[in-house]
Amino acid sequence: MPVFSNLTRCIAIATLILVTELALEESARAQILIPVQDQSRVDVTISVNVQFDTVTDLYMYDYQVTSSNLSEQNVWSFAVEADAEIENIQSPAGWSAQRFFDKPITDWTATVVEPLPPDYVDDGNLPPSPFDIKPGETLAGFSFQSPEPPTTAIFYAQGFALLPTSVSEGDFDLAGIEIPKFTENSFIGSTVGPGLDDNIIFAGGRRPAVDGFLGFVGLAGDRETLLRPVTMVVRFGVNGETVDTSTFLAELNRVGVTGSFTPTGNADELLAVFDLADSPLVIGRNVLSTSVEGTVPGTTRTAADTDRLTFFVD
């Protein structure tokens, strides 16, 4: 009787990823038993908590995955694409993590399965895991740390499906079948993740003496097009200025959103995430207005840095 240990399932998953990424060039003589499955038939939302650790100078990104009742498959794989240094990856029970060797993607997969029954027939496929996220369920415990601050990131969630299989006169043969890549055969959305843009800060450029009171991390300038949900990180005292952060105010499309900006643990930063369902964010043109008071460098005079950031959402 075959026994699917964690190692066996991990090897099978790695094989699946390899098969789906390679183009097969041999001539097709196969009888297809199980065709390529659409694994994007899930409806997933991601909640993320970001905290900065002042001891390690690392940001902790902690994700919670929710599969809605609209999902037609169990979620067996969740991944975050972030072009940044990643360390200390943690997984929920029954799941294992890996980093893609050729892409900046951190992937978690449900790898633990229940003992197989005595009459189980090994058809070369993967048995489902009881730790898959079923429709209507939420699973937390996906996390990693990074020295890079938060920005918008892409996530992938893939539904469980049987591997494509065939019968041929020789070895296993799927030649001539178009197998989509993991990044194409998944439910795709936006979340928050680390980005290599810590030194890219848009300070407004309106009043040079006070522009450094507040800057927008990861934005090179005004009128950029951003992905939903829109992640805004504001940094105070960009050039070491003395800033009274208690005076910070923010409006999005003329609606007060000061309370949406929460501490990350880094005393000089606040983070807000805006989406269509729970904020004034709209498709198309958006305007974020901010103000904060500080001491003008080289003086004892107090002044306000006011910024008006225009951005677009598709």
C-alpha atoms as a PDB file:
ATOM      1  CA  MET A   1       0.000   0.000   0.000  1.00  0.00           C
ATOM      2  CA  PRO A   2       1.499   3.395  -0.941  1.00  0.00           C
ATOM      3  CA  VAL A   3       2.108   5.836   1.900  1.00  0.00           C
ATOM      4  CA  PHE A   4       2.115   9.551   1.134  1.00  0.00           C
ATOM      5  CA  SER A   5       4.441  11.150   3.685  1.00  0.00           C
ATOM      6  CA  ASN A   6       5.068  14.899   3.800  1.00  0.00           C
ATOM      7  CA  LEU A   7       8.269  14.339   1.820  1.00  0.00           C
ATOM      8  CA  THR A   8       6.445  12.283  -0.813  1.00  0.00           C
ATOM      9  CA  ARG A   9       3.791  14.924  -1.241  1.00  0.00           C
ATOM     10  CA  CYS A  10       6.379  17.698  -1.377  1.00  0.00           C
ATOM     11  CA  ILE A  11       8.251  15.822  -4.112  1.00  0.00           C
ATOM     12  CA  ALA A  12       4.999  15.313  -5.988  1.00  0.00           C
ATOM     13  CA  ILE A  13       4.186  19.015  -5.689  1.00  0.00           C
ATOM     14  CA  ALA A  14       7.646  19.963  -6.908  1.00  0.00           C
ATOM     15  CA  THR A  15       7.150  17.605  -9.849  1.00  0.00           C
ATOM     16  CA  LEU A  16       3.809  19.217 -10.613  1.00  0.00           C
ATOM     17  CA  ILE A  17       5.366  22.680 -10.636  1.00  0.00           C
ATOM     18  CA  LEU A  18       8.174  21.454 -12.896  1.00  0.00           C
ATOM     19  CA  VAL A  19       5.758  19.795 -15.322  1.00  0.00           C
ATOM     20  CA  THR A  20       3.568  22.852 -15.539  1.00  0.00           C
ATOM     21  CA  GLU A  21       6.528  25.135 -16.219  1.00  0.00           C
ATOM     22  CA  LEU A  22       8.219  23.068 -18.960  1.00  0.00           C
ATOM     23  CA  ALA A  23       7.179  22.890 -22.605  1.00  0.00           C
ATOM     24  CA  LEU A  24       6.897  19.296 -23.811  1.00  0.00           C
ATOM     25  CA  GLU A  25       8.132  18.761 -27.348  1.00  0.00           C
ATOM     26  CA  GLU A  26       7.725  15.050 -28.042  1.00  0.00           C
ATOM     27  CA  SER A  27       5.087  13.835 -30.478  1.00  0.00           C
ATOM     28  CA  ALA A  28       1.707  13.049 -28.921  1.00  0.00           C
ATOM     29  CA  ARG A  29       0.597   9.404 -28.790  1.00  0.00           C
ATOM     30  CA  ALA A  30      -1.264   9.651 -25.487  1.00  0.00           C
ATOM     31  CA  GLN A  31      -4.752   8.737 -24.452  1.00  0.00           C
ATOM     32  CA  ILE A  32      -5.758  11.484 -22.004  1.00  0.00           C
ATOM     33  CA  LEU A  33      -7.347  10.158 -18.813  1.00  0.00           C
ATOM     34  CA  ILE A  34      -7.492  13.405 -16.817  1.00  0.00           C
ATOM     35  CA  PRO A  35      -7.176  16.669 -18.764  1.00  0.00           C
ATOM     36  CA  VAL A  36      -5.518  19.828 -17.467  1.00  0.00           C
ATOM     37  CA  GLN A  37      -7.746  21.311 -14.773  1.00  0.00           C
ATOM     38  CA  ASP A  38      -8.633  24.967 -14.241  1.00  0.00           C
ATOM     39  CA  GLN A  39      -7.350  25.634 -10.722  1.00  0.00           C
ATOM     40  CA  SER A  40      -8.513  29.244 -10.511  1.00  0.00           C
ATOM     41  CA  ARG A  41     -12.077  28.338  -9.508  1.00  0.00           C
ATOM     42  CA  VAL A  42     -11.712  29.820  -6.033  1.00  0.00           C
ATOM     43  CA  ASP A  43     -12.765  33.187  -4.618  1.00  0.00           C
ATOM     44  CA  VAL A  44     -10.204  34.372  -2.075  1.00  0.00           C
ATOM     45  CA  THR A  45      -9.606  37.454   0.060  1.00  0.00           C
ATOM     46  CA  ILE A  46      -6.421  38.141   2.019  1.00  0.00           C
ATOM     47  CA  SER A  47      -6.093  39.983   5.330  1.00  0.00           C
ATOM     48  CA  VAL A  48      -2.607  41.061   6.348  1.00  0.00           C
ATOM     49  CA  ASN A  49      -1.116  42.519   9.499  1.00  0.00           C
ATOM     50  CA  VAL A  50       2.223  44.327   9.233  1.00  0.00           C
ATOM     51  CA  GLN A  51       4.364  45.036  12.289  1.00  0.00           C
ATOM     52  CA  PHE A  52       7.881  46.420  12.567  1.00  0.00           C
ATOM     53  CA  ASP A  53      10.249  44.815  15.081  1.00  0.00           C
ATOM     54  CA  THR A  54      12.553  47.495  16.512  1.00  0.00           C
ATOM     55  CA  VAL A  55      14.931  44.839  17.854  1.00  0.00           C
ATOM     56  CA  THR A  56      15.565  43.060  14.536  1.00  0.00           C
ATOM     57  CA  ASP A  57      14.672  46.011  12.237  1.00  0.00           C
ATOM     58  CA  LEU A  58      12.454  43.619  10.301  1.00  0.00           C
ATOM     59  CA  TYR A  59       8.834  43.896   9.202  1.00  0.00           C
ATOM     60  CA  MET A  60       6.581  40.930   9.993  1.00  0.00           C
ATOM     61  CA  TYR A  61       3.972  40.173   7.329  1.00  0.00           C
ATOM     62  CA  ASP A  62       1.205  37.958   8.733  1.00  0.00           C
ATOM     63  CA  TYR A  63      -1.453  36.731   6.274  1.00  0.00           C
ATOM     64  CA  GLN A  64      -4.931  35.260   6.749  1.00  0.00           C
ATOM     65  CA  VAL A  65      -6.579  33.517   3.780  1.00  0.00           C
ATOM     66  CA  THR A  66     -10.367  33.379   3.428  1.00  0.00           C
ATOM     67  CA  SER A  67     -12.095  31.261   0.780  1.00  0.00           C
ATOM     68  CA  SER A  68     -15.637  32.458   0.150  1.00  0.00           C
ATOM     69  CA  ASN A  69     -18.675  30.246  -0.296  1.00  0.00           C
ATOM     70  CA  LEU A  70     -18.414  31.014  -4.025  1.00  0.00           C
ATOM     71  CA  SER A  71     -15.251  28.888  -4.338  1.00  0.00           C
ATOM     72  CA  GLU A  72     -15.739  25.713  -6.352  1.00  0.00           C
ATOM     73  CA  GLN A  73     -12.490  24.107  -5.144  1.00  0.00           C
ATOM     74  CA  ASN A  74     -10.572  23.781  -1.903  1.00  0.00           C
ATOM     75  CA  VAL A  75      -7.563  26.114  -1.695  1.00  0.00           C
ATOM     76  CA  TRP A  76      -4.395  24.026  -1.507  1.00  0.00           C
ATOM     77  CA  SER A  77      -1.804  26.662  -2.435  1.00  0.00           C
ATOM     78  CA  PHE A  78      -1.279  30.326  -1.501  1.00  0.00           C
ATOM     79  CA  ALA A  79       1.633  32.463  -2.703  1.00  0.00           C
ATOM     80  CA  VAL A  80       2.890  36.042  -2.440  1.00  0.00           C
ATOM     81  CA  GLU A  81       5.064  37.631  -5.122  1.00  0.00           C
ATOM     82  CA  ALA A  82       7.490  40.131  -3.602  1.00  0.00           C
ATOM     83  CA  ASP A  83      10.848  41.134  -5.041  1.00  0.00           C
ATOM     84  CA  ALA A  84      12.536  41.520  -1.664  1.00  0.00           C
ATOM     85  CA  GLU A  85      14.618  39.653   0.873  1.00  0.00           C
ATOM     86  CA  ILE A  86      12.437  37.132   2.748  1.00  0.00           C
ATOM     87  CA  GLU A  87      13.329  35.223   5.919  1.00  0.00           C
ATOM     88  CA  ASN A  88      11.819  33.298   8.827  1.00  0.00           C
ATOM     89  CA  ILE A  89       8.892  31.903   6.816  1.00  0.00           C
ATOM     90  CA  GLN A  90       6.187  30.367   9.021  1.00  0.00           C
ATOM     91  CA  SER A  91       3.348  28.052   7.956  1.00  0.00           C
ATOM     92  CA  PRO A  92       0.051  26.941   9.517  1.00  0.00           C
ATOM     93  CA  ALA A  93      -0.346  23.328  10.621  1.00  0.00           C
ATOM     94  CA  GLY A  94      -0.437  20.928   7.676  1.00  0.00           C
ATOM     95  CA  TRP A  95       1.203  23.395   5.280  1.00  0.00           C
ATOM     96  CA  SER A  96       4.790  23.776   4.020  1.00  0.00           C
ATOM     97  CA  ALA A  97       6.543  26.785   2.484  1.00  0.00           C
ATOM     98  CA  GLN A  98       9.040  27.169  -0.325  1.00  0.00           C
ATOM     99  CA  ARG A  99      10.632  29.944  -2.360  1.00  0.00           C
ATOM    100  CA  PHE A 100      10.504  29.623  -6.156  1.00  0.00           C
ATOM    101  CA  PHE A 101      14.039  29.312  -7.514  1.00  0.00           C
ATOM    102  CA  ASP A 102      13.314  31.367 -10.642  1.00  0.00           C
ATOM    103  CA  LYS A 103      10.706  33.882  -9.426  1.00  0.00           C
ATOM    104  CA  PRO A 104      10.401  36.170  -6.360  1.00  0.00           C
ATOM    105  CA  ILE A 105       7.479  34.091  -5.043  1.00  0.00           C
ATOM    106  CA  THR A 106       6.939  32.610  -1.587  1.00  0.00           C
ATOM    107  CA  ASP A 107       4.507  29.702  -1.791  1.00  0.00           C
ATOM    108  CA  TRP A 108       2.642  27.743   0.878  1.00  0.00           C
ATOM    109  CA  THR A 109       1.067  24.373   0.033  1.00  0.00           C
ATOM    110  CA  ALA A 110      -1.060  21.974   2.071  1.00  0.00           C
ATOM    111  CA  THR A 111       1.278  18.969   2.258  1.00  0.00           C
ATOM    112  CA  VAL A 112      -0.001  16.787   5.085  1.00  0.00           C
ATOM    113  CA  VAL A 113      -2.525  14.053   4.206  1.00  0.00           C
ATOM    114  CA  GLU A 114      -4.466  11.540   6.265  1.00  0.00           C
ATOM    115  CA  PRO A 115      -3.475   7.847   6.331  1.00  0.00           C
ATOM    116  CA  LEU A 116      -4.692   6.140   3.183  1.00  0.00           C
ATOM    117  CA  PRO A 117      -7.303   3.362   3.408  1.00  0.00           C
ATOM    118  CA  PRO A 118      -6.220  -0.255   2.813  1.00  0.00           C
ATOM    119  CA  ASP A 119      -8.105  -0.397  -0.497  1.00  0.00           C
ATOM    120  CA  TYR A 120      -6.524   2.797  -1.840  1.00  0.00           C
ATOM    121  CA  VAL A 121      -5.467   2.489  -5.479  1.00  0.00           C
ATOM    122  CA  ASP A 122      -2.350   4.434  -6.397  1.00  0.00           C
ATOM    123  CA  ASP A 123      -3.049   6.132  -9.721  1.00  0.00           C
ATOM    124  CA  GLY A 124      -0.006   8.393  -9.495  1.00  0.00           C
ATOM    125  CA  ASN A 125      -2.052  11.365  -8.330  1.00  0.00           C
ATOM    126  CA  LEU A 126      -1.948  13.480  -5.193  1.00  0.00           C
ATOM    127  CA  PRO A 127      -4.478  12.706  -2.472  1.00  0.00           C
ATOM    128  CA  PRO A 128      -6.279  15.794  -1.116  1.00  0.00           C
ATOM    129  CA  SER A 129      -5.174  17.195   2.226  1.00  0.00           C
ATOM    130  CA  PRO A 130      -7.571  17.705   5.154  1.00  0.00           C
ATOM    131  CA  PHE A 131      -5.724  20.980   5.710  1.00  0.00           C
ATOM    132  CA  ASP A 132      -6.917  22.470   2.393  1.00  0.00           C
ATOM    133  CA  ILE A 133      -9.016  25.623   2.906  1.00  0.00           C
ATOM    134  CA  LYS A 134     -12.616  24.693   2.124  1.00  0.00           C
ATOM    135  CA  PRO A 135     -15.216  27.148   0.782  1.00  0.00           C
ATOM    136  CA  GLY A 136     -16.379  29.391   3.602  1.00  0.00           C
ATOM    137  CA  GLU A 137     -13.275  28.769   5.743  1.00  0.00           C
ATOM    138  CA  THR A 138     -10.460  31.061   6.911  1.00  0.00           C
ATOM    139  CA  LEU A 139      -6.897  30.014   7.734  1.00  0.00           C
ATOM    140  CA  ALA A 140      -4.226  32.127   9.435  1.00  0.00           C
ATOM    141  CA  GLY A 141      -0.561  31.489  10.171  1.00  0.00           C
ATOM    142  CA  PHE A 142       1.108  32.374   6.862  1.00  0.00           C
ATOM    143  CA  SER A 143       3.946  34.788   7.658  1.00  0.00           C
ATOM    144  CA  PHE A 144       7.481  35.909   6.926  1.00  0.00           C
ATOM    145  CA  GLN A 145       9.849  38.728   7.823  1.00  0.00           C
ATOM    146  CA  SER A 146      11.619  41.210   5.577  1.00  0.00           C
ATOM    147  CA  PRO A 147      13.776  44.323   6.018  1.00  0.00           C
ATOM    148  CA  GLU A 148      11.734  46.015   3.300  1.00  0.00           C
ATOM    149  CA  PRO A 149       8.686  48.195   4.060  1.00  0.00           C
ATOM    150  CA  PRO A 150       5.171  47.361   2.849  1.00  0.00           C
ATOM    151  CA  THR A 151       3.860  48.078  -0.601  1.00  0.00           C
ATOM    152  CA  THR A 152       1.295  46.497  -2.921  1.00  0.00           C
ATOM    153  CA  ALA A 153       2.061  42.870  -3.849  1.00  0.00           C
ATOM    154  CA  ILE A 154       0.465  40.168  -6.012  1.00  0.00           C
ATOM    155  CA  PHE A 155      -0.947  36.989  -4.465  1.00  0.00           C
ATOM    156  CA  TYR A 156      -1.941  33.678  -6.054  1.00  0.00           C
ATOM    157  CA  ALA A 157      -4.429  31.162  -4.651  1.00  0.00           C
ATOM    158  CA  GLN A 158      -4.838  27.811  -6.389  1.00  0.00           C
ATOM    159  CA  GLY A 159      -7.640  25.301  -6.060  1.00  0.00           C
ATOM    160  CA  PHE A 160      -6.932  21.600  -5.583  1.00  0.00           C
ATOM    161  CA  ALA A 161      -7.370  19.447  -8.693  1.00  0.00           C
ATOM    162  CA  LEU A 162      -6.142  16.093  -9.910  1.00  0.00           C
ATOM    163  CA  LEU A 163      -2.934  16.057 -11.921  1.00  0.00           C
ATOM    164  CA  PRO A 164      -3.303  15.674 -15.680  1.00  0.00           C
ATOM    165  CA  THR A 165      -2.612  12.048 -16.604  1.00  0.00           C
ATOM    166  CA  SER A 166      -2.441  10.008 -19.778  1.00  0.00           C
ATOM    167  CA  VAL A 167      -1.634   6.544 -21.073  1.00  0.00           C
ATOM    168  CA  SER A 168       0.881   6.023 -23.872  1.00  0.00           C
ATOM    169  CA  GLU A 169       2.832   3.165 -25.386  1.00  0.00           C
ATOM    170  CA  GLY A 170       5.956   4.376 -23.622  1.00  0.00           C
ATOM    171  CA  ASP A 171       6.567   6.630 -20.677  1.00  0.00           C
ATOM    172  CA  PHE A 172       4.094   9.103 -19.230  1.00  0.00           C
ATOM    173  CA  ASP A 173       3.397  11.491 -22.065  1.00  0.00           C
ATOM    174  CA  LEU A 174       1.499  14.793 -22.116  1.00  0.00           C
ATOM    175  CA  ALA A 175       3.049  16.044 -25.338  1.00  0.00           C
ATOM    176  CA  GLY A 176       0.946  18.435 -27.319  1.00  0.00           C
ATOM    177  CA  ILE A 177      -1.092  19.547 -24.312  1.00  0.00           C
ATOM    178  CA  GLU A 178      -0.848  23.208 -23.339  1.00  0.00           C
ATOM    179  CA  ILE A 179      -0.201  23.291 -19.596  1.00  0.00           C
ATOM    180  CA  PRO A 180      -0.664  26.731 -18.022  1.00  0.00           C
ATOM    181  CA  LYS A 181       1.902  28.144 -15.641  1.00  0.00           C
ATOM    182  CA  PHE A 182       1.179  28.342 -11.924  1.00  0.00           C
ATOM    183  CA  THR A 183       0.998  32.133 -12.161  1.00  0.00           C
ATOM    184  CA  GLU A 184      -1.695  31.817 -14.843  1.00  0.00           C
ATOM    185  CA  ASN A 185      -3.681  28.866 -13.495  1.00  0.00           C
ATOM    186  CA  SER A 186      -4.552  30.534 -10.162  1.00  0.00           C
ATOM    187  CA  PHE A 187      -6.901  33.069  -8.639  1.00  0.00           C
ATOM    188  CA  ILE A 188      -4.887  36.309  -8.717  1.00  0.00           C
ATOM    189  CA  GLY A 189      -5.301  39.396  -6.537  1.00  0.00           C
ATOM    190  CA  SER A 190      -3.461  42.154  -4.694  1.00  0.00           C
ATOM    191  CA  THR A 191      -2.315  42.286  -1.088  1.00  0.00           C
ATOM    192  CA  VAL A 192       0.434  43.919   0.965  1.00  0.00           C
ATOM    193  CA  GLY A 193       4.024  42.707   0.837  1.00  0.00           C
ATOM    194  CA  PRO A 194       7.626  43.921   1.073  1.00  0.00           C
ATOM    195  CA  GLY A 195       9.112  45.920  -1.763  1.00  0.00           C
ATOM    196  CA  LEU A 196      12.581  47.033  -2.756  1.00  0.00           C
ATOM    197  CA  ASP A 197      11.630  50.698  -2.696  1.00  0.00           C
ATOM    198  CA  ASP A 198      12.617  51.806   0.802  1.00  0.00           C
ATOM    199  CA  ASN A 199      14.665  54.693  -0.579  1.00  0.00           C
ATOM    200  CA  ILE A 200      11.992  55.827  -3.041  1.00  0.00           C
ATOM    201  CA  ILE A 201      10.040  58.543  -1.243  1.00  0.00           C
ATOM    202  CA  PHE A 202       7.786  61.205  -2.759  1.00  0.00           C
ATOM    203  CA  ALA A 203       7.844  64.279  -0.517  1.00  0.00           C
ATOM    204  CA  GLY A 204       5.575  66.503  -2.569  1.00  0.00           C
ATOM    205  CA  GLY A 205       8.053  69.146  -3.709  1.00  0.00           C
ATOM    206  CA  ARG A 206       5.786  72.065  -2.825  1.00  0.00           C
ATOM    207  CA  ARG A 207       7.722  73.710   0.030  1.00  0.00           C
ATOM    208  CA  PRO A 208      11.327  72.495   0.256  1.00  0.00           C
ATOM    209  CA  ALA A 209      11.799  73.714   3.831  1.00  0.00           C
ATOM    210  CA  VAL A 210       9.017  71.456   5.188  1.00  0.00           C
ATOM    211  CA  ASP A 211       8.582  68.767   2.510  1.00  0.00           C
ATOM    212  CA  GLY A 212      10.568  66.296   4.601  1.00  0.00           C
ATOM    213  CA  PHE A 213       7.996  66.388   7.400  1.00  0.00           C
ATOM    214  CA  LEU A 214       6.048  63.676   5.526  1.00  0.00           C
ATOM    215  CA  GLY A 215       6.858  61.470   2.551  1.00  0.00           C
ATOM    216  CA  PHE A 216       5.079  58.653   0.718  1.00  0.00           C
ATOM    217  CA  VAL A 217       7.241  55.510   0.724  1.00  0.00           C
ATOM    218  CA  GLY A 218       7.537  53.640  -2.574  1.00  0.00           C
ATOM    219  CA  LEU A 219       6.121  56.429  -4.743  1.00  0.00           C
ATOM    220  CA  ALA A 220       8.421  58.165  -7.179  1.00  0.00           C
ATOM    221  CA  GLY A 221       5.980  60.956  -7.926  1.00  0.00           C
ATOM    222  CA  ASP A 222       2.453  62.176  -8.453  1.00  0.00           C
ATOM    223  CA  ARG A 223      -0.202  60.646 -10.743  1.00  0.00           C
ATOM    224  CA  GLU A 224       0.964  57.015 -10.630  1.00  0.00           C
ATOM    225  CA  THR A 225      -1.387  54.105 -11.392  1.00  0.00           C
ATOM    226  CA  LEU A 226      -1.667  51.773  -8.378  1.00  0.00           C
ATOM    227  CA  LEU A 227      -3.068  48.283  -7.846  1.00  0.00           C
ATOM    228  CA  ARG A 228      -5.977  47.509  -5.518  1.00  0.00           C
ATOM    229  CA  PRO A 229      -5.902  47.342  -2.580  1.00  0.00           C
ATOM    230  CA  VAL A 230      -3.861  50.534  -2.470  1.00  0.00           C
ATOM    231  CA  THR A 231      -1.157  50.457   0.191  1.00  0.00           C
ATOM    232  CA  MET A 232      -0.024  53.827   1.535  1.00  0.00           C
ATOM    233  CA  VAL A 233       2.964  54.128   3.841  1.00  0.00           C
ATOM    234  CA  VAL A 234       3.751  57.615   5.124  1.00  0.00           C
ATOM    235  CA  ARG A 235       7.109  58.328   6.754  1.00  0.00           C
ATOM    236  CA  PHE A 236       7.673  61.288   9.073  1.00  0.00           C
ATOM    237  CA  GLY A 237      10.914  63.238   9.364  1.00  0.00           C
ATOM    238  CA  VAL A 238      12.328  61.951   6.090  1.00  0.00           C
ATOM    239  CA  ASN A 239      15.506  63.997   6.545  1.00  0.00           C
ATOM    240  CA  GLY A 240      15.570  63.835  10.335  1.00  0.00           C
ATOM    241  CA  GLU A 241      13.184  66.749  10.909  1.00  0.00           C
ATOM    242  CA  THR A 242      11.317  67.065  14.214  1.00  0.00           C
ATOM    243  CA  VAL A 243       7.666  66.275  13.506  1.00  0.00           C
ATOM    244  CA  ASP A 244       4.600  66.271  15.771  1.00  0.00           C
ATOM    245  CA  THR A 245       2.923  63.111  14.466  1.00  0.00           C
ATOM    246  CA  SER A 246      -0.164  63.755  16.626  1.00  0.00           C
ATOM    247  CA  THR A 247      -1.086  66.572  14.220  1.00  0.00           C
ATOM    248  CA  PHE A 248      -1.256  64.224  11.204  1.00  0.00           C
ATOM    249  CA  LEU A 249      -4.494  64.463   9.198  1.00  0.00           C
ATOM    250  CA  ALA A 250      -5.522  62.688   5.986  1.00  0.00           C
ATOM    251  CA  GLU A 251      -8.438  62.829   3.552  1.00  0.00           C
ATOM    252  CA  LEU A 252      -9.109  60.530   0.606  1.00  0.00           C
ATOM    253  CA  ASN A 253     -11.394  62.062  -1.999  1.00  0.00           C
ATOM    254  CA  ARG A 254     -12.451  64.665   0.635  1.00  0.00           C
ATOM    255  CA  VAL A 255     -13.416  62.017   3.197  1.00  0.00           C
ATOM    256  CA  GLY A 256     -11.476  61.871   6.453  1.00  0.00           C
ATOM    257  CA  VAL A 257      -9.275  58.748   6.639  1.00  0.00           C
ATOM    258  CA  THR A 258      -6.826  59.695   9.383  1.00  0.00           C
ATOM    259  CA  GLY A 259      -7.964  56.708  11.440  1.00  0.00           C
ATOM    260  CA  SER A 260      -7.150  54.347   8.570  1.00  0.00           C
ATOM    261  CA  PHE A 261      -3.436  55.008   9.086  1.00  0.00           C
ATOM    262  CA  THR A 262      -2.155  52.690  11.809  1.00  0.00           C
ATOM    263  CA  PRO A 263       1.307  52.197  13.346  1.00  0.00           C
ATOM    264  CA  THR A 264       3.499  49.454  11.943  1.00  0.00           C
ATOM    265  CA  GLY A 265       5.717  49.465  15.014  1.00  0.00           C
ATOM    266  CA  ASN A 266       8.194  51.771  13.292  1.00  0.00           C
ATOM    267  CA  ALA A 267       7.796  55.074  15.140  1.00  0.00           C
ATOM    268  CA  ASP A 268       8.346  57.069  11.971  1.00  0.00           C
ATOM    269  CA  GLU A 269       5.725  55.289   9.819  1.00  0.00           C
ATOM    270  CA  LEU A 270       1.995  54.802   9.443  1.00  0.00           C
ATOM    271  CA  LEU A 271       0.322  52.287   7.113  1.00  0.00           C
ATOM    272  CA  ALA A 272      -3.105  52.392   5.467  1.00  0.00           C
ATOM    273  CA  VAL A 273      -4.717  49.958   3.038  1.00  0.00           C
ATOM    274  CA  PHE A 274      -7.596  51.255   0.900  1.00  0.00           C
ATOM    275  CA  ASP A 275      -9.997  49.127  -1.132  1.00  0.00           C
ATOM    276  CA  LEU A 276     -13.274  49.807  -2.905  1.00  0.00           C
ATOM    277  CA  ALA A 277     -15.543  48.046  -0.429  1.00  0.00           C
ATOM    278  CA  ASP A 278     -14.465  49.762   2.782  1.00  0.00           C
ATOM    279  CA  SER A 279     -12.973  53.159   1.946  1.00  0.00           C
ATOM    280  CA  PRO A 280     -13.559  56.244  -0.266  1.00  0.00           C
ATOM    281  CA  LEU A 281     -11.289  54.706  -2.927  1.00  0.00           C
ATOM    282  CA  VAL A 282     -12.753  54.776  -6.446  1.00  0.00           C
ATOM    283  CA  ILE A 283     -11.831  53.441  -9.854  1.00  0.00           C
ATOM    284  CA  GLY A 284     -10.022  56.130 -11.816  1.00  0.00           C
ATOM    285  CA  ARG A 285      -8.691  59.335 -10.281  1.00  0.00           C
ATOM    286  CA  ASN A 286      -8.161  59.587  -6.506  1.00  0.00           C
ATOM    287  CA  VAL A 287      -6.757  62.404  -4.369  1.00  0.00           C
ATOM    288  CA  LEU A 288      -5.112  61.851  -0.973  1.00  0.00           C
ATOM    289  CA  SER A 289      -4.570  65.033   1.050  1.00  0.00           C
ATOM    290  CA  THR A 290      -2.315  65.018   4.118  1.00  0.00           C
ATOM    291  CA  SER A 291      -0.939  67.502   6.601  1.00  0.00           C
ATOM    292  CA  VAL A 292       1.393  67.364   9.595  1.00  0.00           C
ATOM    293  CA  GLU A 293       3.212  69.967  11.684  1.00  0.00           C
ATOM    294  CA  GLY A 294       6.880  70.117  12.531  1.00  0.00           C
ATOM    295  CA  THR A 295       9.782  72.398  13.312  1.00  0.00           C
ATOM    296  CA  VAL A 296      11.395  74.117  10.344  1.00  0.00           C
ATOM    297  CA  PRO A 297      15.043  72.968  10.233  1.00  0.00           C
ATOM    298  CA  GLY A 298      17.481  75.541  11.613  1.00  0.00           C
ATOM    299  CA  THR A 299      14.723  77.494  13.393  1.00  0.00           C
ATOM    300  CA  THR A 300      12.318  77.208  16.318  1.00  0.00           C
ATOM    301  CA  ARG A 301       9.384  78.024  14.086  1.00  0.00           C
ATOM    302  CA  THR A 302       6.513  75.558  13.631  1.00  0.00           C
ATOM    303  CA  ALA A 303       5.000  75.030  10.183  1.00  0.00           C
ATOM    304  CA  ALA A 304       2.719  72.575   8.415  1.00  0.00           C
ATOM    305  CA  ASP A 305       3.624  70.298   5.527  1.00  0.00           C
ATOM    306  CA  THR A 306       0.519  69.833   3.353  1.00  0.00           C
ATOM    307  CA  ASP A 307       0.540  67.424   0.421  1.00  0.00           C
ATOM    308  CA  ARG A 308      -1.970  66.560  -2.273  1.00  0.00           C
ATOM    309  CA  LEU A 309      -1.215  63.205  -3.896  1.00  0.00           C
ATOM    310  CA  THR A 310      -3.129  62.263  -7.047  1.00  0.00           C
ATOM    311  CA  PHE A 311      -3.130  58.626  -8.143  1.00  0.00           C
ATOM    312  CA  PHE A 312      -5.163  56.365 -10.393  1.00  0.00           C
ATOM    313  CA  VAL A 313      -6.733  52.949  -9.849  1.00  0.00           C
ATOM    314  CA  ASP A 314      -7.689  50.624 -12.716  1.00  0.00           C
END
